Structures are given as C-alpha cells and as structure tokens.
Amino acid sequence: MLGIVLLYVGIVLINNGISRLCNIDEKSASVMNIFTGALAVIIDTVSVIQGEYYAVGTGLLFGFTYLFVAINSIFNLDKRPYGWYSLFVAINTIPCAYLSLTQDLDWRMSIIWVLWGILWLTAFIEIILKKNLGKFVPYLAIFEGIITAWIPGFLMLVDKW
C-alpha cells in the first residue's frame, strides 16, 4: 500500500512546488492536498486493522501534513501550529532513517527519510524562524516529489523496488 500513497505524495509535492513557483492561489493547490491526505488516512486506517502500527504511525505523518496544509490554506489560518508540527515530523525522520538502514537494511529508504526530514524542516525554518528560503523550497518539493515519492512509489506498484 506504500506504493499507492507514495505515488500521490509525489504529485502533491510536485503540485505544491509548482503552485508556489507560479504563485497559484493556496486554496486551489489545496485540492490535491486534500485528496492525498485523505488517501493516506484511509490507507492507514486499513493498515491499522491489519496490525501494521509502524507503517500507520509514519504514514499518518504524511496524511496529516497534507490535510493540515489544505485546511490552513482554505481557511487562511495561522500557520505556526503547522510549523511546529513540521519540526516534530522532521525530528521523527531521524529514527525512521536509522531503522530503515539498520532494521530493514534499505539504504534507499534511509536516504529518502533524511530528504523528507529536510523538506519538513524547511517549513519550520520559514514559518517559525521566519527565514525566507525563497525558491529553494518549491524546487526541493518538486525534486523530492519525483525522486523520493513518485519514482519509488511507481516502482513499488510494479514490484521493481
């Protein structure tokens, strides 16, 4: 099921990056965030029934991220709670990367977790620390959408990962 979620995480990251670069209204970009966040939550709900607690815990980090972004944008809410949430998630990517490397023996997922952590950390830096990272963040989102989500997700779907 991870491949399905990653495929949509890929497009939402690409969509968010392009939307930011092209100054597309955040409410318009929220549609894909809702679809992806809801998909992740639904798949994680099925997975928790199957007893896959680690997968659910880490999967919900994504689902809640995209729903948080969408709701903040639609209702024009203060983004600081999302900034703090992003720091929490970025910190969690450290043990996830370690476990991927040491328990799963999957160096690819370990690197992907580190890259995701960097992207989540940029939200904290921009929102809480008020440091404008300019075009770096949208380009990073597009890059990560392709390299850490779309390609791995597709490869998982066709049993090539």
N, C-alpha and C. Protein backbone atom coordinates (compact mmCIF):
# COMPACT_ATOMS: atom_id res chain seq x y z
N MET A 1 0.81 -1.20 0.00
CA MET A 1 0.00 0.00 0.00
C MET A 1 0.85 1.26 0.00
N LEU A 2 2.11 1.12 0.45
CA LEU A 2 3.00 2.27 0.47
C LEU A 2 3.19 2.86 -0.92
N GLY A 3 3.29 2.00 -1.92
CA GLY A 3 3.47 2.47 -3.29
C GLY A 3 2.33 3.38 -3.74
N ILE A 4 1.11 3.05 -3.36
CA ILE A 4 -0.05 3.87 -3.73
C ILE A 4 0.08 5.26 -3.12
N VAL A 5 0.35 5.30 -1.82
CA VAL A 5 0.46 6.59 -1.14
C VAL A 5 1.62 7.40 -1.71
N LEU A 6 2.76 6.76 -1.92
CA LEU A 6 3.92 7.49 -2.44
C LEU A 6 3.67 8.07 -3.82
N LEU A 7 2.93 7.38 -4.64
CA LEU A 7 2.60 7.91 -5.97
C LEU A 7 1.88 9.26 -5.83
N TYR A 8 0.93 9.33 -4.90
CA TYR A 8 0.17 10.56 -4.71
C TYR A 8 0.95 11.60 -3.91
N VAL A 9 1.80 11.16 -3.01
CA VAL A 9 2.70 12.11 -2.33
C VAL A 9 3.60 12.77 -3.37
N GLY A 10 4.01 11.98 -4.35
CA GLY A 10 4.83 12.55 -5.43
C GLY A 10 4.13 13.69 -6.13
N ILE A 11 2.90 13.48 -6.56
CA ILE A 11 2.21 14.54 -7.30
C ILE A 11 1.85 15.71 -6.39
N VAL A 12 1.54 15.47 -5.14
CA VAL A 12 1.19 16.60 -4.27
C VAL A 12 2.42 17.46 -4.01
N LEU A 13 3.59 16.84 -3.87
CA LEU A 13 4.81 17.63 -3.68
C LEU A 13 5.15 18.42 -4.94
N ILE A 14 5.01 17.76 -6.08
CA ILE A 14 5.25 18.46 -7.35
C ILE A 14 4.25 19.60 -7.51
N ASN A 15 2.99 19.33 -7.26
CA ASN A 15 1.92 20.33 -7.35
C ASN A 15 2.18 21.50 -6.41
N ASN A 16 2.55 21.22 -5.19
CA ASN A 16 2.80 22.29 -4.22
C ASN A 16 4.01 23.14 -4.63
N GLY A 17 5.05 22.47 -5.13
CA GLY A 17 6.22 23.22 -5.58
C GLY A 17 5.91 24.11 -6.77
N ILE A 18 5.24 23.56 -7.76
CA ILE A 18 4.87 24.35 -8.94
C ILE A 18 3.92 25.47 -8.56
N SER A 19 2.96 25.17 -7.70
CA SER A 19 2.00 26.19 -7.28
C SER A 19 2.70 27.36 -6.60
N ARG A 20 3.69 27.05 -5.79
CA ARG A 20 4.43 28.13 -5.10
C ARG A 20 5.28 28.92 -6.09
N LEU A 21 5.92 28.23 -7.01
CA LEU A 21 6.75 28.92 -8.01
C LEU A 21 5.92 29.82 -8.93
N CYS A 22 4.72 29.37 -9.24
CA CYS A 22 3.85 30.10 -10.18
C CYS A 22 2.84 31.00 -9.48
N ASN A 23 2.99 31.16 -8.17
CA ASN A 23 2.07 32.00 -7.38
C ASN A 23 0.61 31.61 -7.56
N ILE A 24 0.35 30.32 -7.60
CA ILE A 24 -1.03 29.83 -7.68
C ILE A 24 -1.65 29.93 -6.30
N ASP A 25 -2.88 30.36 -6.26
CA ASP A 25 -3.62 30.52 -5.01
C ASP A 25 -3.54 29.25 -4.16
N GLU A 26 -3.23 29.41 -2.87
CA GLU A 26 -3.08 28.26 -1.97
C GLU A 26 -4.37 27.44 -1.88
N LYS A 27 -5.51 28.10 -1.98
CA LYS A 27 -6.77 27.36 -1.91
C LYS A 27 -6.90 26.41 -3.10
N SER A 28 -6.47 26.85 -4.26
CA SER A 28 -6.53 25.99 -5.45
C SER A 28 -5.59 24.80 -5.31
N ALA A 29 -4.42 25.04 -4.76
CA ALA A 29 -3.45 23.96 -4.57
C ALA A 29 -3.92 22.98 -3.49
N SER A 30 -4.84 23.41 -2.64
CA SER A 30 -5.31 22.57 -1.53
C SER A 30 -6.07 21.34 -1.98
N VAL A 31 -6.65 21.38 -3.17
CA VAL A 31 -7.46 20.25 -3.63
C VAL A 31 -6.62 18.97 -3.63
N MET A 32 -5.45 19.01 -4.22
CA MET A 32 -4.60 17.81 -4.27
C MET A 32 -4.11 17.43 -2.88
N ASN A 33 -3.90 18.42 -2.01
CA ASN A 33 -3.50 18.13 -0.63
C ASN A 33 -4.60 17.36 0.09
N ILE A 34 -5.85 17.73 -0.14
CA ILE A 34 -6.98 17.02 0.49
C ILE A 34 -7.05 15.58 -0.04
N PHE A 35 -6.97 15.43 -1.35
CA PHE A 35 -7.04 14.09 -1.94
C PHE A 35 -5.93 13.20 -1.37
N THR A 36 -4.70 13.71 -1.35
CA THR A 36 -3.57 12.91 -0.90
C THR A 36 -3.65 12.63 0.60
N GLY A 37 -3.98 13.65 1.38
CA GLY A 37 -4.10 13.46 2.83
C GLY A 37 -5.19 12.47 3.18
N ALA A 38 -6.33 12.58 2.52
CA ALA A 38 -7.44 11.65 2.77
C ALA A 38 -7.06 10.23 2.36
N LEU A 39 -6.41 10.09 1.22
CA LEU A 39 -5.98 8.76 0.76
C LEU A 39 -5.05 8.12 1.78
N ALA A 40 -4.09 8.89 2.27
CA ALA A 40 -3.14 8.37 3.25
C ALA A 40 -3.86 7.93 4.53
N VAL A 41 -4.80 8.74 5.00
CA VAL A 41 -5.53 8.41 6.23
C VAL A 41 -6.39 7.16 6.01
N ILE A 42 -7.03 7.05 4.87
CA ILE A 42 -7.86 5.86 4.59
C ILE A 42 -6.99 4.60 4.53
N ILE A 43 -5.88 4.67 3.81
CA ILE A 43 -5.00 3.50 3.71
C ILE A 43 -4.41 3.16 5.07
N ASP A 44 -4.07 4.16 5.86
CA ASP A 44 -3.54 3.90 7.19
C ASP A 44 -4.59 3.30 8.12
N THR A 45 -5.84 3.68 7.93
CA THR A 45 -6.92 3.09 8.72
C THR A 45 -7.03 1.59 8.42
N VAL A 46 -6.94 1.23 7.17
CA VAL A 46 -6.96 -0.19 6.78
C VAL A 46 -5.73 -0.89 7.36
N SER A 47 -4.59 -0.24 7.30
CA SER A 47 -3.34 -0.85 7.78
C SER A 47 -3.35 -1.07 9.29
N VAL A 48 -3.98 -0.18 10.04
CA VAL A 48 -4.00 -0.36 11.49
C VAL A 48 -4.85 -1.58 11.85
N ILE A 49 -5.88 -1.82 11.08
CA ILE A 49 -6.70 -3.02 11.30
C ILE A 49 -5.87 -4.28 11.07
N GLN A 50 -4.91 -4.19 10.15
CA GLN A 50 -4.03 -5.31 9.84
C GLN A 50 -2.85 -5.40 10.80
N GLY A 51 -2.76 -4.47 11.77
CA GLY A 51 -1.72 -4.52 12.78
C GLY A 51 -0.38 -3.96 12.35
N GLU A 52 -0.36 -3.15 11.33
CA GLU A 52 0.89 -2.56 10.84
C GLU A 52 1.11 -1.19 11.48
N TYR A 53 1.42 -1.18 12.77
CA TYR A 53 1.44 0.05 13.55
C TYR A 53 2.54 1.02 13.15
N TYR A 54 3.73 0.51 12.88
CA TYR A 54 4.82 1.42 12.47
C TYR A 54 4.48 2.09 11.14
N ALA A 55 3.98 1.30 10.20
CA ALA A 55 3.60 1.86 8.89
C ALA A 55 2.50 2.91 9.05
N VAL A 56 1.56 2.64 9.94
CA VAL A 56 0.46 3.59 10.16
C VAL A 56 0.98 4.86 10.82
N GLY A 57 1.81 4.71 11.83
CA GLY A 57 2.34 5.88 12.53
C GLY A 57 3.10 6.80 11.61
N THR A 58 3.96 6.22 10.79
CA THR A 58 4.74 7.06 9.87
C THR A 58 3.88 7.53 8.70
N GLY A 59 2.94 6.72 8.27
CA GLY A 59 2.06 7.12 7.18
C GLY A 59 1.17 8.29 7.55
N LEU A 60 0.70 8.31 8.79
CA LEU A 60 -0.15 9.42 9.22
C LEU A 60 0.61 10.74 9.30
N LEU A 61 1.93 10.67 9.47
CA LEU A 61 2.71 11.91 9.42
C LEU A 61 2.48 12.61 8.08
N PHE A 62 2.38 11.82 7.01
CA PHE A 62 2.12 12.37 5.68
C PHE A 62 0.67 12.81 5.54
N GLY A 63 -0.25 11.93 5.90
CA GLY A 63 -1.67 12.25 5.75
C GLY A 63 -2.04 13.53 6.48
N PHE A 64 -1.57 13.65 7.71
CA PHE A 64 -1.89 14.85 8.48
C PHE A 64 -1.18 16.08 7.93
N THR A 65 0.02 15.90 7.38
CA THR A 65 0.72 17.03 6.77
C THR A 65 -0.13 17.66 5.67
N TYR A 66 -0.61 16.84 4.74
CA TYR A 66 -1.34 17.38 3.59
C TYR A 66 -2.71 17.91 3.99
N LEU A 67 -3.36 17.28 4.96
CA LEU A 67 -4.64 17.81 5.44
C LEU A 67 -4.42 19.12 6.21
N PHE A 68 -3.35 19.18 6.98
CA PHE A 68 -3.00 20.39 7.74
C PHE A 68 -2.76 21.55 6.77
N VAL A 69 -1.96 21.30 5.73
CA VAL A 69 -1.66 22.33 4.73
C VAL A 69 -2.95 22.80 4.05
N ALA A 70 -3.79 21.85 3.66
CA ALA A 70 -5.04 22.19 2.96
C ALA A 70 -5.97 23.01 3.84
N ILE A 71 -6.19 22.57 5.06
CA ILE A 71 -7.12 23.28 5.94
C ILE A 71 -6.59 24.67 6.28
N ASN A 72 -5.28 24.77 6.55
CA ASN A 72 -4.69 26.09 6.81
C ASN A 72 -4.91 27.03 5.62
N SER A 73 -4.72 26.51 4.43
CA SER A 73 -4.84 27.33 3.23
C SER A 73 -6.29 27.72 2.93
N ILE A 74 -7.19 26.77 3.04
CA ILE A 74 -8.60 27.03 2.73
C ILE A 74 -9.19 28.07 3.69
N PHE A 75 -8.86 27.93 4.97
CA PHE A 75 -9.44 28.82 5.97
C PHE A 75 -8.51 29.96 6.38
N ASN A 76 -7.37 30.09 5.69
CA ASN A 76 -6.42 31.16 5.95
C ASN A 76 -6.06 31.24 7.44
N LEU A 77 -5.68 30.11 8.00
CA LEU A 77 -5.35 30.03 9.42
C LEU A 77 -3.88 30.39 9.66
N ASP A 78 -3.57 30.67 10.91
CA ASP A 78 -2.20 30.91 11.34
C ASP A 78 -1.40 29.64 11.07
N LYS A 79 -0.28 29.75 10.40
CA LYS A 79 0.50 28.57 10.00
C LYS A 79 1.49 28.11 11.06
N ARG A 80 1.60 28.85 12.15
CA ARG A 80 2.59 28.47 13.17
C ARG A 80 2.37 27.08 13.75
N PRO A 81 1.14 26.65 14.03
CA PRO A 81 1.00 25.26 14.50
C PRO A 81 1.52 24.24 13.48
N TYR A 82 1.34 24.52 12.20
CA TYR A 82 1.88 23.63 11.18
C TYR A 82 3.42 23.67 11.19
N GLY A 83 3.99 24.84 11.44
CA GLY A 83 5.45 24.95 11.53
C GLY A 83 6.02 24.08 12.65
N TRP A 84 5.35 24.11 13.80
CA TRP A 84 5.80 23.28 14.93
C TRP A 84 5.57 21.80 14.64
N TYR A 85 4.44 21.48 14.01
CA TYR A 85 4.18 20.09 13.60
C TYR A 85 5.29 19.61 12.66
N SER A 86 5.70 20.46 11.75
CA SER A 86 6.75 20.10 10.79
C SER A 86 8.07 19.80 11.49
N LEU A 87 8.38 20.55 12.54
CA LEU A 87 9.59 20.25 13.31
C LEU A 87 9.47 18.88 13.96
N PHE A 88 8.31 18.60 14.56
CA PHE A 88 8.06 17.30 15.17
C PHE A 88 8.28 16.17 14.16
N VAL A 89 7.72 16.34 12.95
CA VAL A 89 7.87 15.31 11.93
C VAL A 89 9.32 15.20 11.48
N ALA A 90 9.98 16.34 11.28
CA ALA A 90 11.38 16.32 10.86
C ALA A 90 12.24 15.55 11.87
N ILE A 91 11.99 15.74 13.14
CA ILE A 91 12.73 15.02 14.18
C ILE A 91 12.45 13.52 14.08
N ASN A 92 11.21 13.15 13.81
CA ASN A 92 10.85 11.74 13.69
C ASN A 92 11.50 11.05 12.50
N THR A 93 11.88 11.83 11.49
CA THR A 93 12.52 11.20 10.33
C THR A 93 13.91 10.65 10.66
N ILE A 94 14.51 11.15 11.71
CA ILE A 94 15.85 10.68 12.09
C ILE A 94 15.81 9.21 12.53
N PRO A 95 14.96 8.84 13.51
CA PRO A 95 14.91 7.41 13.85
C PRO A 95 14.34 6.55 12.70
N CYS A 96 13.46 7.13 11.89
CA CYS A 96 12.93 6.37 10.75
C CYS A 96 14.05 6.04 9.76
N ALA A 97 14.92 7.00 9.51
CA ALA A 97 16.06 6.77 8.62
C ALA A 97 16.98 5.72 9.21
N TYR A 98 17.23 5.82 10.50
CA TYR A 98 18.10 4.86 11.19
C TYR A 98 17.52 3.44 11.12
N LEU A 99 16.22 3.32 11.41
CA LEU A 99 15.58 2.00 11.37
C LEU A 99 15.55 1.42 9.96
N SER A 100 15.33 2.28 8.97
CA SER A 100 15.36 1.80 7.59
C SER A 100 16.72 1.21 7.25
N LEU A 101 17.74 1.85 7.74
CA LEU A 101 19.10 1.41 7.43
C LEU A 101 19.49 0.17 8.23
N THR A 102 19.17 0.16 9.52
CA THR A 102 19.66 -0.92 10.39
C THR A 102 18.72 -2.12 10.49
N GLN A 103 17.42 -1.88 10.54
CA GLN A 103 16.48 -2.99 10.67
C GLN A 103 16.04 -3.54 9.32
N ASP A 104 15.68 -2.64 8.42
CA ASP A 104 15.18 -3.06 7.11
C ASP A 104 16.30 -3.29 6.10
N LEU A 105 17.49 -2.81 6.43
CA LEU A 105 18.65 -2.88 5.54
C LEU A 105 18.35 -2.26 4.17
N ASP A 106 17.62 -1.16 4.20
CA ASP A 106 17.22 -0.47 2.97
C ASP A 106 17.81 0.94 2.98
N TRP A 107 19.00 1.07 2.41
CA TRP A 107 19.68 2.36 2.39
C TRP A 107 18.89 3.39 1.58
N ARG A 108 18.12 2.93 0.58
CA ARG A 108 17.34 3.86 -0.24
C ARG A 108 16.29 4.57 0.61
N MET A 109 15.54 3.80 1.41
CA MET A 109 14.52 4.42 2.26
C MET A 109 15.15 5.28 3.35
N SER A 110 16.32 4.90 3.80
CA SER A 110 17.03 5.70 4.80
C SER A 110 17.34 7.09 4.23
N ILE A 111 17.86 7.13 3.02
CA ILE A 111 18.15 8.41 2.36
C ILE A 111 16.87 9.20 2.12
N ILE A 112 15.82 8.50 1.71
CA ILE A 112 14.53 9.16 1.47
C ILE A 112 14.00 9.80 2.75
N TRP A 113 14.11 9.09 3.88
CA TRP A 113 13.66 9.67 5.15
C TRP A 113 14.45 10.95 5.49
N VAL A 114 15.75 10.92 5.25
CA VAL A 114 16.56 12.12 5.51
C VAL A 114 16.11 13.28 4.63
N LEU A 115 15.87 13.00 3.35
CA LEU A 115 15.41 14.04 2.43
C LEU A 115 14.05 14.59 2.85
N TRP A 116 13.14 13.71 3.26
CA TRP A 116 11.83 14.19 3.73
C TRP A 116 12.01 15.06 4.98
N GLY A 117 12.91 14.65 5.85
CA GLY A 117 13.16 15.44 7.06
C GLY A 117 13.63 16.85 6.73
N ILE A 118 14.47 16.96 5.73
CA ILE A 118 14.96 18.28 5.31
C ILE A 118 13.79 19.13 4.80
N LEU A 119 12.91 18.54 4.00
CA LEU A 119 11.77 19.29 3.47
C LEU A 119 10.84 19.74 4.60
N TRP A 120 10.54 18.85 5.54
CA TRP A 120 9.69 19.25 6.67
C TRP A 120 10.38 20.33 7.50
N LEU A 121 11.70 20.23 7.65
CA LEU A 121 12.43 21.24 8.42
C LEU A 121 12.34 22.62 7.77
N THR A 122 12.25 22.66 6.45
CA THR A 122 12.14 23.97 5.79
C THR A 122 10.85 24.69 6.18
N ALA A 123 9.78 23.94 6.44
CA ALA A 123 8.54 24.57 6.88
C ALA A 123 8.74 25.23 8.24
N PHE A 124 9.43 24.54 9.15
CA PHE A 124 9.73 25.11 10.46
C PHE A 124 10.59 26.36 10.32
N ILE A 125 11.61 26.29 9.48
CA ILE A 125 12.52 27.42 9.30
C ILE A 125 11.78 28.63 8.75
N GLU A 126 10.93 28.41 7.75
CA GLU A 126 10.22 29.54 7.14
C GLU A 126 9.11 30.09 8.02
N ILE A 127 8.34 29.21 8.65
CA ILE A 127 7.16 29.66 9.40
C ILE A 127 7.52 30.13 10.80
N ILE A 128 8.27 29.35 11.53
CA ILE A 128 8.58 29.67 12.94
C ILE A 128 9.79 30.60 13.05
N LEU A 129 10.86 30.28 12.33
CA LEU A 129 12.06 31.11 12.42
C LEU A 129 11.99 32.33 11.50
N LYS A 130 10.98 32.36 10.64
CA LYS A 130 10.73 33.47 9.72
C LYS A 130 11.93 33.78 8.82
N LYS A 131 12.56 32.71 8.33
CA LYS A 131 13.67 32.83 7.38
C LYS A 131 13.15 32.45 6.00
N ASN A 132 13.12 33.39 5.09
CA ASN A 132 12.63 33.13 3.75
C ASN A 132 13.68 32.35 2.96
N LEU A 133 13.34 31.14 2.57
CA LEU A 133 14.27 30.30 1.82
C LEU A 133 14.05 30.43 0.32
N GLY A 134 13.18 31.33 -0.07
CA GLY A 134 12.97 31.65 -1.48
C GLY A 134 12.52 30.48 -2.31
N LYS A 135 13.11 30.37 -3.49
CA LYS A 135 12.72 29.33 -4.44
C LYS A 135 13.31 27.97 -4.10
N PHE A 136 14.19 27.92 -3.11
CA PHE A 136 14.78 26.63 -2.72
C PHE A 136 13.71 25.62 -2.33
N VAL A 137 12.74 26.05 -1.54
CA VAL A 137 11.72 25.12 -1.02
C VAL A 137 10.84 24.56 -2.14
N PRO A 138 10.28 25.39 -3.02
CA PRO A 138 9.47 24.77 -4.08
C PRO A 138 10.26 23.86 -5.01
N TYR A 139 11.50 24.23 -5.32
CA TYR A 139 12.32 23.35 -6.14
C TYR A 139 12.65 22.06 -5.40
N LEU A 140 12.90 22.15 -4.10
CA LEU A 140 13.15 20.96 -3.29
C LEU A 140 11.91 20.08 -3.27
N ALA A 141 10.72 20.68 -3.13
CA ALA A 141 9.47 19.91 -3.12
C ALA A 141 9.29 19.16 -4.45
N ILE A 142 9.56 19.83 -5.55
CA ILE A 142 9.44 19.18 -6.86
C ILE A 142 10.45 18.03 -6.98
N PHE A 143 11.69 18.30 -6.61
CA PHE A 143 12.73 17.28 -6.66
C PHE A 143 12.34 16.07 -5.81
N GLU A 144 11.94 16.33 -4.57
CA GLU A 144 11.58 15.24 -3.67
C GLU A 144 10.32 14.52 -4.13
N GLY A 145 9.39 15.26 -4.72
CA GLY A 145 8.20 14.62 -5.26
C GLY A 145 8.54 13.57 -6.30
N ILE A 146 9.52 13.89 -7.13
CA ILE A 146 9.93 12.97 -8.20
C ILE A 146 10.82 11.85 -7.64
N ILE A 147 11.87 12.23 -6.92
CA ILE A 147 12.92 11.28 -6.51
C ILE A 147 12.54 10.43 -5.30
N THR A 148 11.84 11.00 -4.33
CA THR A 148 11.57 10.26 -3.09
C THR A 148 10.17 9.67 -3.03
N ALA A 149 9.30 10.04 -3.97
CA ALA A 149 7.92 9.56 -3.86
C ALA A 149 7.41 8.96 -5.17
N TRP A 150 7.35 9.76 -6.23
CA TRP A 150 6.78 9.28 -7.49
C TRP A 150 7.52 8.05 -8.01
N ILE A 151 8.84 8.15 -8.19
CA ILE A 151 9.60 7.03 -8.74
C ILE A 151 9.57 5.82 -7.81
N PRO A 152 9.90 5.97 -6.51
CA PRO A 152 9.81 4.79 -5.63
C PRO A 152 8.39 4.22 -5.56
N GLY A 153 7.38 5.09 -5.49
CA GLY A 153 6.00 4.62 -5.43
C GLY A 153 5.62 3.81 -6.64
N PHE A 154 5.96 4.32 -7.82
CA PHE A 154 5.66 3.60 -9.06
C PHE A 154 6.40 2.27 -9.10
N LEU A 155 7.68 2.29 -8.72
CA LEU A 155 8.47 1.04 -8.70
C LEU A 155 7.88 0.02 -7.74
N MET A 156 7.36 0.48 -6.62
CA MET A 156 6.71 -0.43 -5.66
C MET A 156 5.44 -1.03 -6.28
N LEU A 157 4.70 -0.22 -6.99
CA LEU A 157 3.45 -0.71 -7.60
C LEU A 157 3.69 -1.79 -8.65
N VAL A 158 4.83 -1.71 -9.34
CA VAL A 158 5.14 -2.70 -10.38
C VAL A 158 6.16 -3.75 -9.89
N ASP A 159 6.31 -3.83 -8.55
CA ASP A 159 7.21 -4.83 -7.93
C ASP A 159 8.65 -4.76 -8.41
N LYS A 160 9.15 -3.55 -8.60
CA LYS A 160 10.55 -3.36 -9.01
C LYS A 160 11.37 -2.66 -7.93
N TRP A 161 10.81 -2.45 -6.77
CA TRP A 161 11.53 -1.76 -5.69
C TRP A 161 12.13 -2.78 -4.75
